[in-house]
PDB file of N, CA and C in Angstrom:
ATOM      1  N   UNK A   1      13.417  10.624  -0.676  1.00  0.00           N
ATOM      2  CA  UNK A   1      12.001  10.993  -0.619  1.00  0.00           C
ATOM      3  C   UNK A   1      11.438  10.728   0.758  1.00  0.00           C
ATOM      4  N   UNK A   2      10.784  11.702   1.358  1.00  0.00           N
ATOM      5  CA  UNK A   2      10.209  11.576   2.688  1.00  0.00           C
ATOM      6  C   UNK A   2       8.729  11.418   2.601  1.00  0.00           C
ATOM      7  N   UNK A   3       8.227  10.226   2.906  1.00  0.00           N
ATOM      8  CA  UNK A   3       6.758  10.005   2.882  1.00  0.00           C
ATOM      9  C   UNK A   3       6.243   9.971   4.306  1.00  0.00           C
ATOM     10  N   UNK A   4       5.258  10.769   4.540  1.00  0.00           N
ATOM     11  CA  UNK A   4       4.694  10.813   5.881  1.00  0.00           C
ATOM     12  C   UNK A   4       3.449   9.933   5.943  1.00  0.00           C
ATOM     13  N   UNK A   5       3.312   9.150   7.000  1.00  0.00           N
ATOM     14  CA  UNK A   5       2.128   8.303   7.151  1.00  0.00           C
ATOM     15  C   UNK A   5       1.227   8.954   8.225  1.00  0.00           C
ATOM     16  N   UNK A   6      -0.052   8.853   7.985  1.00  0.00           N
ATOM     17  CA  UNK A   6      -1.040   9.345   8.903  1.00  0.00           C
ATOM     18  C   UNK A   6      -2.250   8.422   8.943  1.00  0.00           C
ATOM     19  N   UNK A   7      -3.149   8.741   9.825  1.00  0.00           N
ATOM     20  CA  UNK A   7      -4.347   7.885   9.951  1.00  0.00           C
ATOM     21  C   UNK A   7      -5.200   7.936   8.722  1.00  0.00           C
ATOM     22  N   UNK A   8      -5.674   6.779   8.320  1.00  0.00           N
ATOM     23  CA  UNK A   8      -6.559   6.625   7.144  1.00  0.00           C
ATOM     24  C   UNK A   8      -8.016   6.812   7.624  1.00  0.00           C
ATOM     25  N   UNK A   9      -8.752   7.609   6.873  1.00  0.00           N
ATOM     26  CA  UNK A   9     -10.215   7.801   7.157  1.00  0.00           C
ATOM     27  C   UNK A   9     -10.983   6.688   6.508  1.00  0.00           C
ATOM     28  N   UNK A  10     -11.607   5.814   7.319  1.00  0.00           N
ATOM     29  CA  UNK A  10     -12.382   4.717   6.754  1.00  0.00           C
ATOM     30  C   UNK A  10     -13.608   4.464   7.620  1.00  0.00           C
ATOM     31  N   UNK A  11     -14.585   3.756   6.996  1.00  0.00           N
ATOM     32  CA  UNK A  11     -15.814   3.403   7.698  1.00  0.00           C
ATOM     33  C   UNK A  11     -16.174   1.984   7.247  1.00  0.00           C
ATOM     34  N   UNK A  12     -16.524   1.079   8.150  1.00  0.00           N
ATOM     35  CA  UNK A  12     -16.929  -0.281   7.807  1.00  0.00           C
ATOM     36  C   UNK A  12     -18.452  -0.298   7.906  1.00  0.00           C
ATOM     37  N   UNK A  13     -19.129  -0.790   6.882  1.00  0.00           N
ATOM     38  CA  UNK A  13     -20.591  -0.820   6.866  1.00  0.00           C
ATOM     39  C   UNK A  13     -21.089  -2.151   6.347  1.00  0.00           C
ATOM     40  N   UNK A  14     -22.335  -2.453   6.565  1.00  0.00           N
ATOM     41  CA  UNK A  14     -23.009  -3.642   6.138  1.00  0.00           C
ATOM     42  C   UNK A  14     -23.054  -4.691   7.133  1.00  0.00           C
ATOM     43  N   UNK A  15     -23.965  -5.603   6.956  1.00  0.00           N
ATOM     44  CA  UNK A  15     -24.163  -6.738   7.915  1.00  0.00           C
ATOM     45  C   UNK A  15     -23.816  -8.049   7.236  1.00  0.00           C
ATOM     46  N   UNK A  16     -24.591  -8.389   6.195  1.00  0.00           N
ATOM     47  CA  UNK A  16     -24.358  -9.655   5.502  1.00  0.00           C
ATOM     48  C   UNK A  16     -23.099  -9.533   4.608  1.00  0.00           C
ATOM     49  N   UNK A  17     -22.959  -8.405   3.891  1.00  0.00           N
ATOM     50  CA  UNK A  17     -21.843  -8.174   2.994  1.00  0.00           C
ATOM     51  C   UNK A  17     -21.176  -6.883   3.502  1.00  0.00           C
ATOM     52  N   UNK A  18     -20.037  -7.074   4.170  1.00  0.00           N
ATOM     53  CA  UNK A  18     -19.362  -5.858   4.779  1.00  0.00           C
ATOM     54  C   UNK A  18     -18.569  -5.127   3.659  1.00  0.00           C
ATOM     55  N   UNK A  19     -18.553  -3.845   3.837  1.00  0.00           N
ATOM     56  CA  UNK A  19     -17.860  -2.932   2.854  1.00  0.00           C
ATOM     57  C   UNK A  19     -17.005  -1.960   3.646  1.00  0.00           C
ATOM     58  N   UNK A  20     -15.833  -1.680   3.161  1.00  0.00           N
ATOM     59  CA  UNK A  20     -14.999  -0.623   3.762  1.00  0.00           C
ATOM     60  C   UNK A  20     -15.042   0.570   2.832  1.00  0.00           C
ATOM     61  N   UNK A  21     -15.436   1.706   3.382  1.00  0.00           N
ATOM     62  CA  UNK A  21     -15.441   2.978   2.638  1.00  0.00           C
ATOM     63  C   UNK A  21     -14.264   3.802   3.056  1.00  0.00           C
ATOM     64  N   UNK A  22     -13.403   4.195   2.143  1.00  0.00           N
ATOM     65  CA  UNK A  22     -12.179   4.893   2.447  1.00  0.00           C
ATOM     66  C   UNK A  22     -12.223   6.287   1.810  1.00  0.00           C
ATOM     67  N   UNK A  23     -11.970   7.307   2.641  1.00  0.00           N
ATOM     68  CA  UNK A  23     -11.980   8.660   2.135  1.00  0.00           C
ATOM     69  C   UNK A  23     -10.544   9.108   1.932  1.00  0.00           C
ATOM     70  N   UNK A  24     -10.169   9.432   0.664  1.00  0.00           N
ATOM     71  CA  UNK A  24      -8.811   9.797   0.386  1.00  0.00           C
ATOM     72  C   UNK A  24      -8.654  11.320   0.310  1.00  0.00           C
ATOM     73  N   UNK A  25      -7.532  11.798   0.850  1.00  0.00           N
ATOM     74  CA  UNK A  25      -7.165  13.224   0.751  1.00  0.00           C
ATOM     75  C   UNK A  25      -6.576  13.403  -0.655  1.00  0.00           C
ATOM     76  N   UNK A  26      -6.425  14.641  -1.105  1.00  0.00           N
ATOM     77  CA  UNK A  26      -5.755  14.880  -2.417  1.00  0.00           C
ATOM     78  C   UNK A  26      -4.406  14.259  -2.457  1.00  0.00           C
ATOM     79  N   UNK A  27      -4.068  13.640  -3.563  1.00  0.00           N
ATOM     80  CA  UNK A  27      -2.763  12.943  -3.860  1.00  0.00           C
ATOM     81  C   UNK A  27      -2.578  11.684  -2.999  1.00  0.00           C
ATOM     82  N   UNK A  28      -3.613  11.141  -2.355  1.00  0.00           N
ATOM     83  CA  UNK A  28      -3.497   9.857  -1.642  1.00  0.00           C
ATOM     84  C   UNK A  28      -3.949   8.772  -2.611  1.00  0.00           C
ATOM     85  N   UNK A  29      -3.431   7.592  -2.440  1.00  0.00           N
ATOM     86  CA  UNK A  29      -3.813   6.444  -3.244  1.00  0.00           C
ATOM     87  C   UNK A  29      -4.155   5.275  -2.339  1.00  0.00           C
ATOM     88  N   UNK A  30      -4.879   4.291  -2.920  1.00  0.00           N
ATOM     89  CA  UNK A  30      -5.169   3.037  -2.217  1.00  0.00           C
ATOM     90  C   UNK A  30      -4.909   1.919  -3.169  1.00  0.00           C
ATOM     91  N   UNK A  31      -4.373   0.859  -2.626  1.00  0.00           N
ATOM     92  CA  UNK A  31      -4.119  -0.354  -3.466  1.00  0.00           C
ATOM     93  C   UNK A  31      -5.001  -1.500  -2.903  1.00  0.00           C
ATOM     94  N   UNK A  32      -5.791  -2.085  -3.801  1.00  0.00           N
ATOM     95  CA  UNK A  32      -6.731  -3.145  -3.416  1.00  0.00           C
ATOM     96  C   UNK A  32      -6.347  -4.465  -4.083  1.00  0.00           C
ATOM     97  N   UNK A  33      -6.678  -5.546  -3.452  1.00  0.00           N
ATOM     98  CA  UNK A  33      -6.461  -6.878  -4.035  1.00  0.00           C
ATOM     99  C   UNK A  33      -7.246  -7.023  -5.319  1.00  0.00           C
ATOM    100  N   UNK A  34      -6.667  -7.704  -6.295  1.00  0.00           N
ATOM    101  CA  UNK A  34      -7.370  -7.923  -7.594  1.00  0.00           C
ATOM    102  C   UNK A  34      -8.721  -8.515  -7.369  1.00  0.00           C
ATOM    103  N   UNK A  35      -9.781  -7.905  -7.941  1.00  0.00           N
ATOM    104  CA  UNK A  35     -11.151  -8.398  -7.856  1.00  0.00           C
ATOM    105  C   UNK A  35     -11.829  -8.004  -6.540  1.00  0.00           C
ATOM    106  N   UNK A  36     -11.150  -7.250  -5.670  1.00  0.00           N
ATOM    107  CA  UNK A  36     -11.737  -6.936  -4.387  1.00  0.00           C
ATOM    108  C   UNK A  36     -12.540  -5.654  -4.417  1.00  0.00           C
ATOM    109  N   UNK A  37     -12.240  -4.714  -5.361  1.00  0.00           N
ATOM    110  CA  UNK A  37     -12.950  -3.462  -5.430  1.00  0.00           C
ATOM    111  C   UNK A  37     -14.304  -3.607  -6.089  1.00  0.00           C
ATOM    112  N   UNK A  38     -15.351  -3.139  -5.412  1.00  0.00           N
ATOM    113  CA  UNK A  38     -16.655  -3.272  -6.017  1.00  0.00           C
ATOM    114  C   UNK A  38     -17.238  -1.946  -6.512  1.00  0.00           C
ATOM    115  N   UNK A  39     -16.676  -0.817  -6.053  1.00  0.00           N
ATOM    116  CA  UNK A  39     -17.219   0.453  -6.459  1.00  0.00           C
ATOM    117  C   UNK A  39     -16.166   1.563  -6.247  1.00  0.00           C
ATOM    118  N   UNK A  40     -16.148   2.556  -7.121  1.00  0.00           N
ATOM    119  CA  UNK A  40     -15.245   3.708  -6.947  1.00  0.00           C
ATOM    120  C   UNK A  40     -16.077   4.912  -7.384  1.00  0.00           C
ATOM    121  N   UNK A  41     -16.035   5.950  -6.575  1.00  0.00           N
ATOM    122  CA  UNK A  41     -16.763   7.183  -6.875  1.00  0.00           C
ATOM    123  C   UNK A  41     -15.821   8.359  -6.873  1.00  0.00           C
TER     124      UNK A  41
END
């Protein structure tokens, strides 16, 4: 299986509580630490 890696589209926002917003392309996945995800849209 050949998996290609490419640049991840992300944006860091917030001042007191920083948040990373990640934009996924079709068929992309993200793995987060348990309890770290606060929102999914």
